[in-house]
Protein backbone atom coordinates (compact mmCIF):
# COMPACT_ATOMS: atom_id res chain seq x y z
CA MET A 1 -11.74 -6.51 -14.47
CA THR A 2 -13.29 -3.32 -13.92
CA LEU A 3 -15.21 -2.80 -10.91
CA GLU A 4 -17.20 0.40 -10.00
CA LEU A 5 -18.41 0.19 -6.42
CA ASP A 6 -21.05 1.91 -4.94
CA ILE A 7 -18.33 5.41 -3.19
CA THR A 8 -19.22 8.21 -1.79
CA PRO A 9 -16.41 10.79 -3.39
CA LEU A 10 -13.47 12.00 -1.19
CA SER A 11 -14.47 15.48 -1.56
CA SER A 12 -17.98 14.91 -0.45
CA TRP A 13 -17.09 14.24 3.67
CA MET A 14 -12.86 15.40 3.43
CA PRO A 15 -12.58 19.20 5.19
CA GLU A 16 -12.38 21.77 2.42
CA THR A 17 -8.63 22.27 1.67
CA PRO A 18 -5.83 22.73 -1.58
CA TYR A 19 -4.03 19.68 0.17
CA PRO A 20 -4.62 15.84 -0.67
CA LEU A 21 -6.25 13.69 2.61
CA LEU A 22 -3.45 13.85 5.23
CA ILE A 23 -4.02 11.58 8.52
CA ALA A 24 -2.06 11.90 11.26
CA GLY A 25 -1.43 10.77 14.86
CA PRO A 26 0.45 8.44 16.69
CA CYS A 27 1.07 4.81 16.27
CA SER A 28 -0.33 4.10 19.59
CA LEU A 29 -2.36 5.97 22.08
CA GLU A 30 -0.09 5.84 24.91
CA THR A 31 -1.34 8.35 27.69
CA GLU A 32 -3.90 10.88 27.95
CA GLU A 33 -1.54 13.74 27.39
CA GLN A 34 0.94 12.02 25.23
CA ALA A 35 -2.59 11.88 22.96
CA LEU A 36 -3.69 15.38 23.42
CA SER A 37 -0.41 16.92 23.08
CA THR A 38 0.07 15.48 19.82
CA ALA A 39 -3.13 16.15 18.72
CA ARG A 40 -3.33 19.89 19.40
CA GLU A 41 0.57 20.33 18.07
CA LEU A 42 -0.99 18.73 14.74
CA ALA A 43 -4.36 20.53 14.55
CA LYS A 44 -1.89 23.80 13.89
CA ASP A 45 -1.19 22.74 10.36
CA LYS A 46 -4.27 22.93 8.36
CA ARG A 47 -3.07 20.22 5.87
CA VAL A 48 -3.96 17.70 8.62
CA HIS A 49 -7.71 16.66 7.88
CA VAL A 50 -7.81 13.30 10.47
CA ILE A 51 -5.72 12.77 13.75
CA ARG A 52 -5.55 9.05 14.16
CA GLY A 53 -4.35 6.75 17.27
CA GLY A 54 -3.89 3.31 17.51
CA VAL A 55 -5.86 1.94 20.79
CA TRP A 56 -5.66 -1.82 20.12
CA LYS A 57 -2.01 -2.80 18.60
CA PRO A 58 -2.28 -6.35 17.17
CA ARG A 59 0.97 -7.26 17.52
CA THR A 60 3.22 -10.48 15.74
CA ARG A 61 4.21 -11.63 18.75
CA PRO A 62 2.64 -11.31 22.34
CA GLY A 63 4.81 -9.33 25.07
CA SER A 64 4.70 -6.10 23.44
CA PHE A 65 2.77 -3.36 24.04
CA GLU A 66 -0.87 -4.05 22.28
CA GLY A 67 -2.18 -1.45 22.86
CA ILE A 68 -3.87 0.82 25.79
CA GLY A 69 -7.67 -0.45 24.67
CA SER A 70 -11.14 1.38 24.44
CA ILE A 71 -10.10 4.20 27.43
CA GLY A 72 -8.00 5.46 24.19
CA LEU A 73 -11.54 6.23 23.03
CA GLU A 74 -12.13 8.30 25.41
CA TRP A 75 -8.91 10.47 24.91
CA MET A 76 -10.16 10.27 20.88
CA LYS A 77 -13.87 11.64 21.80
CA LYS A 78 -11.62 14.78 23.76
CA ILE A 79 -9.02 15.58 20.88
CA LYS A 80 -12.38 15.51 18.15
CA GLU A 81 -13.92 18.20 20.56
CA GLU A 82 -10.91 19.98 21.65
CA THR A 83 -9.46 20.40 17.27
CA GLY A 84 -12.56 19.46 15.98
CA LEU A 85 -10.98 17.58 13.50
CA MET A 86 -11.93 14.09 12.44
CA VAL A 87 -10.46 11.10 14.35
CA GLY A 88 -9.64 7.63 13.44
CA THR A 89 -8.20 4.19 14.39
CA GLU A 90 -7.77 0.73 13.62
CA VAL A 91 -10.58 -2.30 14.01
CA ALA A 92 -8.89 -5.32 14.03
CA ASN A 93 -12.63 -7.16 15.26
CA ALA A 94 -16.45 -7.16 15.55
CA GLN A 95 -16.32 -5.83 19.03
CA HIS A 96 -13.58 -3.02 18.33
CA ALA A 97 -16.10 -1.83 15.40
CA GLU A 98 -18.88 -1.75 18.32
CA ASN A 99 -16.89 0.25 20.37
CA CYS A 100 -16.16 3.09 17.89
CA LEU A 101 -19.12 3.30 16.56
CA LYS A 102 -20.64 4.13 20.63
CA ALA A 103 -17.61 5.79 20.61
CA ASP A 104 -18.72 8.23 17.63
CA ILE A 105 -15.12 7.61 16.22
CA ASP A 106 -15.38 9.05 12.25
CA VAL A 107 -12.68 7.03 10.51
CA LEU A 108 -12.38 3.00 10.71
CA TRP A 109 -9.43 1.10 9.40
CA ILE A 110 -8.97 -2.39 9.16
CA GLY A 111 -5.71 -3.28 9.40
CA ALA A 112 -3.14 -5.81 7.04
CA ARG A 113 -3.55 -8.68 9.35
CA SER A 114 -7.24 -8.45 9.23
CA THR A 115 -8.10 -8.24 6.03
CA THR A 116 -6.19 -10.93 4.97
CA SER A 117 -9.53 -12.84 7.04
CA PRO A 118 -13.14 -12.52 4.78
CA PHE A 119 -14.56 -14.03 7.99
CA VAL A 120 -13.01 -10.96 10.46
CA VAL A 121 -13.98 -8.62 7.23
CA GLN A 122 -17.45 -9.57 6.83
CA GLU A 123 -18.09 -9.50 10.73
CA ILE A 124 -16.89 -5.88 11.06
CA ALA A 125 -19.06 -5.04 7.88
CA ASP A 126 -21.92 -6.41 9.50
CA VAL A 127 -21.47 -4.54 12.78
CA LEU A 128 -21.03 -1.04 10.49
CA LYS A 129 -23.99 -1.49 8.50
CA GLY A 130 -26.57 0.99 8.67
CA SER A 131 -23.86 3.20 9.91
CA ASP A 132 -22.18 6.58 7.86
CA LYS A 133 -18.58 5.65 9.26
CA VAL A 134 -15.47 6.42 7.03
CA VAL A 135 -14.28 3.25 6.40
CA MET A 136 -10.72 2.31 5.09
CA VAL A 137 -9.26 -0.96 4.12
CA LYS A 138 -5.52 -1.90 4.10
CA ASN A 139 -3.83 -4.22 2.03
CA PRO A 140 -3.55 -7.51 3.02
CA MET A 141 0.38 -8.73 4.10
CA ASN A 142 0.83 -10.36 0.77
CA PRO A 143 0.12 -8.30 -2.42
CA ASP A 144 -3.53 -10.78 -2.68
CA LEU A 145 -5.18 -8.03 -4.33
CA SER A 146 -8.55 -10.45 -4.78
CA LEU A 147 -7.87 -9.67 -0.95
CA TRP A 148 -7.42 -6.72 -0.58
CA MET A 149 -10.56 -5.93 -3.47
CA GLY A 150 -12.66 -8.51 -1.40
CA ALA A 151 -12.84 -6.66 1.60
CA LEU A 152 -13.51 -3.21 0.08
CA GLU A 153 -16.84 -5.37 -1.66
CA ARG A 154 -17.80 -7.02 1.52
CA LEU A 155 -18.25 -3.38 3.10
CA ASN A 156 -19.93 -2.05 -0.19
CA THR A 157 -22.15 -4.34 -0.02
CA VAL A 158 -23.70 -3.74 3.39
CA GLY A 159 -24.02 -0.27 2.50
CA LEU A 160 -20.78 1.59 3.59
CA LYS A 161 -19.76 4.21 0.91
CA LYS A 162 -17.05 6.33 2.21
CA LEU A 163 -14.49 3.77 1.25
CA VAL A 164 -10.61 4.11 1.11
CA GLY A 165 -7.84 1.80 0.59
CA ILE A 166 -4.75 2.14 2.62
CA HIS A 167 -1.13 0.99 0.73
CA ARG A 168 1.10 0.11 3.14
CA GLY A 169 3.20 -2.02 1.84
CA PHE A 170 3.78 -6.07 1.95
CA SER A 171 5.89 -8.48 3.75
CA PRO A 172 9.52 -8.11 2.03
CA PHE A 173 10.40 -11.49 0.02
CA GLN A 174 13.85 -10.42 0.17
CA GLU A 175 16.43 -7.66 1.92
CA THR A 176 15.20 -3.93 1.32
CA LYS A 177 15.99 -0.81 2.69
CA TYR A 178 11.91 -0.29 3.79
CA ARG A 179 10.18 -2.16 6.14
CA ASN A 180 7.95 -3.14 4.05
CA TYR A 181 8.23 -3.93 0.28
CA PRO A 182 6.09 -1.23 -1.16
CA GLY A 183 4.76 -3.79 -4.71
CA TRP A 184 3.55 -0.67 -6.09
CA LYS A 185 2.46 -2.60 -9.00
CA THR A 186 -0.64 -4.67 -6.61
CA TYR A 187 -1.44 -0.34 -6.27
CA ILE A 188 -1.65 0.05 -9.87
CA GLU A 189 -3.48 -3.17 -10.48
CA LEU A 190 -6.06 -2.25 -7.72
CA ARG A 191 -6.52 1.80 -9.67
CA ARG A 192 -7.24 0.27 -12.48
CA SER A 193 -9.75 -2.44 -10.80
CA MET A 194 -11.57 0.08 -8.53
CA PRO A 195 -11.05 3.28 -10.49
CA ASN A 196 -13.71 5.14 -8.50
CA LEU A 197 -11.68 4.43 -5.05
CA PRO A 198 -10.00 6.62 -2.96
CA ILE A 199 -6.54 5.63 -2.09
CA ILE A 200 -3.80 6.99 0.23
CA CYS A 201 -0.58 5.86 1.32
CA ASP A 202 1.13 5.21 4.81
CA PRO A 203 3.99 5.37 3.98
CA SER A 204 5.29 5.13 7.68
CA HIS A 205 4.37 1.45 7.18
CA ILE A 206 6.32 1.05 4.46
CA ALA A 207 9.52 2.99 5.23
CA GLY A 208 9.85 1.85 8.63
CA LYS A 209 12.18 4.65 9.20
CA ARG A 210 11.53 8.26 9.38
CA GLU A 211 14.52 9.41 6.95
CA LEU A 212 12.58 7.14 4.35
CA VAL A 213 9.36 8.26 4.86
CA GLY A 214 9.55 11.58 2.82
CA GLU A 215 10.58 9.53 -0.71
CA ILE A 216 8.21 7.17 -0.16
CA SER A 217 5.48 10.03 0.32
CA GLN A 218 6.95 12.22 -2.99
CA LYS A 219 6.81 8.59 -4.67
CA ALA A 220 3.08 8.33 -4.02
CA PHE A 221 2.25 11.55 -5.05
CA ASP A 222 4.08 11.03 -8.21
CA MET A 223 1.84 8.01 -8.64
CA GLY A 224 -1.80 9.76 -8.00
CA PHE A 225 -2.56 8.55 -4.65
CA ASP A 226 -5.22 10.89 -3.08
CA GLY A 227 -3.58 11.03 0.55
CA LEU A 228 -1.19 10.16 3.10
CA MET A 229 -1.45 8.38 6.66
CA VAL A 230 1.65 9.20 8.32
CA GLU A 231 2.76 8.73 12.32
CA SER A 232 3.33 11.42 14.30
CA HIS A 233 4.36 11.48 18.23
CA ILE A 234 4.82 14.42 20.51
CA ASP A 235 8.47 12.62 21.57
CA PRO A 236 9.48 9.67 19.28
CA SER A 237 11.80 8.80 21.22
CA CYS A 238 9.61 7.21 24.05
CA ALA A 239 7.00 5.77 21.70
CA LEU A 240 5.96 2.29 23.43
CA SER A 241 5.53 1.16 19.18
CA ASP A 242 7.15 2.08 16.02
CA ALA A 243 9.14 4.50 17.29
CA ALA A 244 11.60 4.58 14.52
CA GLN A 245 9.10 5.41 12.04
CA GLN A 246 7.43 8.53 13.47
CA PHE A 247 7.98 11.89 13.48
CA THR A 248 7.34 14.74 15.94
CA PRO A 249 4.59 17.24 14.93
CA THR A 250 7.13 19.84 13.80
CA ASP A 251 9.47 17.56 11.60
CA LEU A 252 5.94 15.96 9.69
CA PHE A 253 5.22 19.69 8.79
CA LYS A 254 8.90 20.05 7.57
CA MET A 255 8.73 16.63 5.60
CA ILE A 256 5.12 17.50 3.96
CA ASP A 257 6.59 20.95 3.49
CA LYS A 258 9.34 19.48 0.74
CA LEU A 259 6.60 17.22 -0.95
CA VAL A 260 5.78 18.06 -4.43
CA ILE A 261 2.02 17.68 -5.62
CA ARG A 262 1.62 17.03 -9.61
CA LYS A 263 -1.17 17.34 -11.57
CA GLN A 264 -2.64 14.34 -13.64
CA THR A 265 -2.82 16.27 -16.86
CA ILE A 266 -2.31 20.09 -17.88
CA GLU A 267 -4.59 21.11 -20.69
CA ASP A 268 -1.63 22.21 -23.15
CA ALA A 269 -1.21 20.81 -26.80
CA GLU A 270 2.55 21.11 -26.90
CA PHE A 271 2.71 18.75 -23.91
CA GLY A 272 0.02 16.65 -25.04
CA SER A 273 1.94 15.74 -28.68
CA LYS A 274 4.88 15.68 -26.69
CA LEU A 275 3.75 13.22 -24.42
CA ASP A 276 2.02 10.87 -27.50
CA GLN A 277 5.33 10.51 -28.96
CA LEU A 278 7.18 9.50 -25.66
CA ARG A 279 4.26 7.23 -25.64
CA ASN A 280 4.01 5.67 -29.23
CA ARG A 281 7.81 5.32 -29.05
CA ILE A 282 7.30 3.47 -25.38
CA ASP A 283 4.43 1.09 -27.69
CA ILE A 284 6.66 -0.05 -30.21
CA LEU A 285 9.76 -0.82 -27.94
CA ASP A 286 7.07 -2.86 -25.63
CA THR A 287 6.20 -4.90 -29.07
CA GLU A 288 9.74 -5.26 -30.16
CA LEU A 289 10.05 -6.82 -26.34
CA MET A 290 7.21 -8.77 -26.65
CA GLU A 291 8.44 -10.22 -30.58
CA LEU A 292 11.83 -10.95 -28.39
CA LEU A 293 10.10 -13.18 -25.95
CA SER A 294 7.92 -14.37 -28.41
CA ALA A 295 11.55 -15.69 -30.15
CA ARG A 296 13.10 -16.63 -27.02
CA SER A 297 10.10 -18.48 -26.68
CA GLU A 298 10.67 -20.78 -29.74
CA ILE A 299 13.94 -21.57 -28.45
CA VAL A 300 12.87 -22.96 -24.94
CA ASN A 301 10.94 -25.31 -26.87
CA GLN A 302 13.95 -26.17 -29.15
CA ILE A 303 15.92 -26.82 -25.97
CA ALA A 304 13.33 -28.78 -24.40
CA ASP A 305 13.29 -30.94 -27.28
CA TYR A 306 16.67 -31.76 -26.87
CA LYS A 307 16.52 -32.46 -23.55
CA LYS A 308 13.72 -34.59 -23.49
CA ASN A 309 15.72 -36.93 -26.63
CA ASN A 310 18.46 -36.98 -24.45
CA ASN A 311 16.98 -37.65 -21.09
CA VAL A 312 17.65 -34.53 -19.62
CA MET A 313 15.94 -32.75 -16.76
CA ALA A 314 14.27 -29.43 -16.93
CA LEU A 315 15.93 -27.31 -14.05
CA GLN A 316 19.37 -26.84 -13.96
CA ILE A 317 20.13 -25.12 -11.22
CA ASP A 318 23.80 -24.06 -12.03
CA ARG A 319 22.81 -23.05 -15.50
CA TRP A 320 20.05 -20.68 -13.63
CA THR A 321 22.57 -19.24 -10.96
CA LYS A 322 25.05 -18.17 -14.13
CA MET A 323 22.46 -17.07 -16.22
CA MET A 324 21.58 -14.94 -13.14
CA ASN A 325 24.86 -13.82 -12.09
CA ASN A 326 25.26 -12.70 -15.91
CA ARG A 327 21.69 -10.54 -16.39
CA ILE A 328 22.88 -8.32 -12.81
CA ASP A 329 25.98 -7.96 -14.15
CA THR A 330 24.60 -6.49 -17.75
CA ALA A 331 21.98 -4.59 -15.65
CA ASN A 332 24.98 -2.74 -13.84
CA LYS A 333 26.59 -2.10 -17.03
CA LEU A 334 23.46 -0.60 -18.52
CA GLN A 335 22.87 1.12 -15.00
CA LEU A 336 19.27 -1.06 -15.00
CA ASN A 337 17.64 -1.70 -11.47
CA ASP A 338 19.46 -4.85 -10.09
CA THR A 339 16.52 -5.55 -8.12
CA PHE A 340 13.74 -5.32 -11.08
CA ILE A 341 16.36 -7.37 -13.55
CA LYS A 342 16.71 -10.15 -10.85
CA ILE A 343 12.60 -10.29 -10.67
CA LEU A 344 11.94 -10.05 -14.27
CA PHE A 345 14.59 -12.82 -14.89
CA GLN A 346 13.24 -14.86 -11.84
CA LEU A 347 9.90 -14.62 -13.72
CA ILE A 348 10.84 -15.75 -17.09
CA HIS A 349 12.72 -18.22 -16.12
CA GLU A 350 10.15 -20.08 -14.05
CA ASP A 351 7.62 -19.64 -17.35
CA SER A 352 10.70 -21.33 -19.32
CA VAL A 353 10.73 -24.22 -16.78
CA ARG A 354 6.95 -24.60 -17.20
CA GLN A 355 7.20 -24.38 -20.73
CA GLN A 356 10.00 -26.93 -20.72
CA THR A 357 7.87 -29.45 -18.48
CA GLU A 358 4.51 -28.99 -20.27
CA TYR A 359 6.74 -29.15 -23.55
CA ILE A 360 8.24 -32.48 -22.79
CA ASP A 361 4.88 -34.11 -20.69
CA ASN A 362 3.19 -33.17 -23.97
CA MET A 363 5.56 -35.32 -25.88
CA GLU A 364 5.40 -38.39 -24.06
């Protein structure tokens, strides 16, 4: 399903610069001096459009730093007055949104935990109704596209038009080198489902480590994201939250300098012809893959029939373990990504078990 929201284009409210939308600032505002000194350094680079700063920090467990509170909004107002840049912070409930309206904060975003609750999103939407604020929505903790889209729809329904999606990754289902699993597939589905929605990437929360933020940022630009939200602290070693993923402003600019902003396409006949040839080959190979899966499905039915006649259950873990080990070994020999192959064959095997159980049940 494709859904065109009534959205104000990014270019109509974003400051005019050739660089994609860049939001930068501390994970958490900690002191007035820390907030202002970080903002002053960030404002020196014209590629920065919005200064961010966490005022309320919802934590998984109590006891850790949960933000400075509403006093931080006063610091944000000073940042705005001094730098002339837009300022933004996360809101986790209706009261936060009310406080931000009173402080005239330009950009508000709903965090991953809050996006998970339609009740919270609706309460925030009701508070912001009638305002002209930029409202951004981070993906929910788990890759639930409907929840993400639903949050954006709720905001749009009350008349909020300056909407942006933020991709910050998902709670990992297995050990990876990143803090949060990138789950690019969900971003692609949101892009396809809401084609006029601007979407930016939060590489800091995906990476979890500053040394990985650059590669995630480049990946985001390669995939057509409209900008980045990157965390920056005047002295990350002293940060009260997420110290490992924050850059000093100087190091942030060095990282950004290395990023390549690619074009969506170019008006070149030779380029278009060559690209069409390669895409046609992909289309042919995809058809062959589906034909192979169809042939595999026929064999699965034969296995189901044989198991039924011999009173054998559909799922056999020993066979599954051996098969998976074999597929991973083959993937390594073919220089394929073993994580991708593991996920692929988990899906294939899950469907094979479903197919066998349904086949057996229908024979009862």
